[in-house]
């Protein structure tokens, strides 16, 4: 099943923003296994879920060959890191402020860390 054009546009705009601010390319955010690209991907997934209101399944589809459990793991890792790393928390808040207004959902989802599925 494909993403709607609106959802695909949200995913691409968040990936572009996070990539530009993280000094990695959008393609690296989507595909690379390097630490910087992985962290940028996890941040983008967290923003898409919590601040844009997208489902985990939609986010997984937006990132290509990623599964829903990959998104679960990213949400867990970033929620955990945001509570422990003040610098990352400031960076995350800056990214959210820079999102275009149409990318923010009317009801942000609460951030609850989910344990990774074994």
Protein backbone atom coordinates (compact mmCIF):
# COMPACT_ATOMS: atom_id res chain seq x y z
CA UNK A 1 0.00 0.00 0.00
CA UNK A 2 1.34 3.43 -0.96
CA UNK A 3 1.40 6.62 1.05
CA UNK A 4 -0.94 9.46 0.26
CA UNK A 5 0.76 12.45 -1.40
CA UNK A 6 0.20 14.53 1.75
CA UNK A 7 1.88 11.97 4.02
CA UNK A 8 4.73 11.44 1.56
CA UNK A 9 5.30 15.22 1.45
CA UNK A 10 5.40 15.36 5.27
CA UNK A 11 7.93 12.55 5.43
CA UNK A 12 10.16 14.16 2.80
CA UNK A 13 10.02 17.61 4.41
CA UNK A 14 10.99 16.23 7.83
CA UNK A 15 13.78 14.09 6.35
CA UNK A 16 15.11 17.12 4.46
CA UNK A 17 15.03 19.33 7.56
CA UNK A 18 16.72 16.78 9.81
CA UNK A 19 19.30 15.92 7.15
CA UNK A 20 20.20 19.56 6.58
CA UNK A 21 20.64 20.25 10.29
CA UNK A 22 22.51 16.99 10.92
CA UNK A 23 25.06 17.39 8.10
CA UNK A 24 24.00 14.18 6.35
CA UNK A 25 22.14 13.75 3.08
CA UNK A 26 18.49 12.82 2.86
CA UNK A 27 19.48 9.60 1.15
CA UNK A 28 21.81 8.74 4.04
CA UNK A 29 19.00 9.38 6.53
CA UNK A 30 16.85 6.89 4.67
CA UNK A 31 19.45 4.18 4.01
CA UNK A 32 22.79 4.55 5.82
CA UNK A 33 23.87 2.56 8.86
CA UNK A 34 26.41 5.16 10.04
CA UNK A 35 25.81 6.48 13.54
CA UNK A 36 25.10 10.09 12.51
CA UNK A 37 22.65 8.99 9.82
CA UNK A 38 20.98 6.50 12.16
CA UNK A 39 20.48 9.16 14.83
CA UNK A 40 19.10 11.58 12.23
CA UNK A 41 16.71 8.86 10.99
CA UNK A 42 15.56 8.15 14.55
CA UNK A 43 14.98 11.87 15.16
CA UNK A 44 12.99 12.20 11.94
CA UNK A 45 10.85 9.18 12.86
CA UNK A 46 10.22 10.61 16.33
CA UNK A 47 9.20 14.01 14.92
CA UNK A 48 6.90 12.38 12.37
CA UNK A 49 5.18 10.31 15.05
CA UNK A 50 5.01 12.69 17.98
CA UNK A 51 4.77 16.09 16.33
CA UNK A 52 3.19 15.32 12.95
CA UNK A 53 0.89 12.59 14.22
CA UNK A 54 1.78 9.91 11.68
CA UNK A 55 1.27 6.25 12.51
CA UNK A 56 4.26 3.97 12.91
CA UNK A 57 3.17 2.02 9.84
CA UNK A 58 3.03 5.19 7.70
CA UNK A 59 6.47 6.24 8.93
CA UNK A 60 7.91 2.80 8.10
CA UNK A 61 6.49 3.03 4.58
CA UNK A 62 7.85 6.56 4.21
CA UNK A 63 11.34 5.32 4.97
CA UNK A 64 11.21 2.61 2.33
CA UNK A 65 12.13 -0.87 3.38
CA UNK A 66 11.80 -0.27 7.10
CA UNK A 67 9.44 -2.21 9.31
CA UNK A 68 7.13 -0.97 12.02
CA UNK A 69 9.41 -2.48 14.67
CA UNK A 70 12.27 -0.34 13.34
CA UNK A 71 10.10 2.71 14.01
CA UNK A 72 9.23 1.37 17.48
CA UNK A 73 12.93 1.02 18.26
CA UNK A 74 13.69 4.54 16.96
CA UNK A 75 10.91 6.05 19.08
CA UNK A 76 12.18 4.20 22.13
CA UNK A 77 15.82 5.21 21.59
CA UNK A 78 15.07 8.90 20.99
CA UNK A 79 12.60 9.18 23.90
CA UNK A 80 15.25 7.63 26.13
CA UNK A 81 18.02 9.87 24.77
CA UNK A 82 15.95 13.05 25.09
CA UNK A 83 15.60 12.49 28.83
CA UNK A 84 19.35 11.92 29.24
CA UNK A 85 20.94 14.37 26.80
CA UNK A 86 20.12 18.08 27.18
CA UNK A 87 21.98 18.97 23.98
CA UNK A 88 19.93 16.50 21.94
CA UNK A 89 16.74 17.78 23.59
CA UNK A 90 17.58 21.38 22.56
CA UNK A 91 18.39 20.21 19.03
CA UNK A 92 15.09 18.31 18.84
CA UNK A 93 13.11 21.35 20.03
CA UNK A 94 14.88 23.53 17.45
CA UNK A 95 13.96 21.09 14.68
CA UNK A 96 10.31 21.05 15.74
CA UNK A 97 10.20 24.86 15.76
CA UNK A 98 11.60 24.92 12.21
CA UNK A 99 8.91 22.61 10.81
CA UNK A 100 6.50 24.31 8.41
CA UNK A 101 3.11 24.84 10.12
CA UNK A 102 1.35 22.29 7.89
CA UNK A 103 3.63 19.58 9.24
CA UNK A 104 2.36 19.86 12.78
CA UNK A 105 -0.67 17.82 13.75
CA UNK A 106 -3.48 19.38 15.74
CA UNK A 107 -2.89 16.92 18.55
CA UNK A 108 0.75 16.04 19.26
CA UNK A 109 1.12 12.55 20.60
CA UNK A 110 2.59 12.09 24.05
CA UNK A 111 6.11 10.78 24.11
CA UNK A 112 6.16 7.34 25.72
CA UNK A 113 9.22 5.18 25.36
CA UNK A 114 8.36 1.75 24.01
CA UNK A 115 10.73 -1.11 24.67
CA UNK A 116 12.14 -2.70 21.53
CA UNK A 117 10.43 -5.86 20.39
CA UNK A 118 12.66 -8.86 20.91
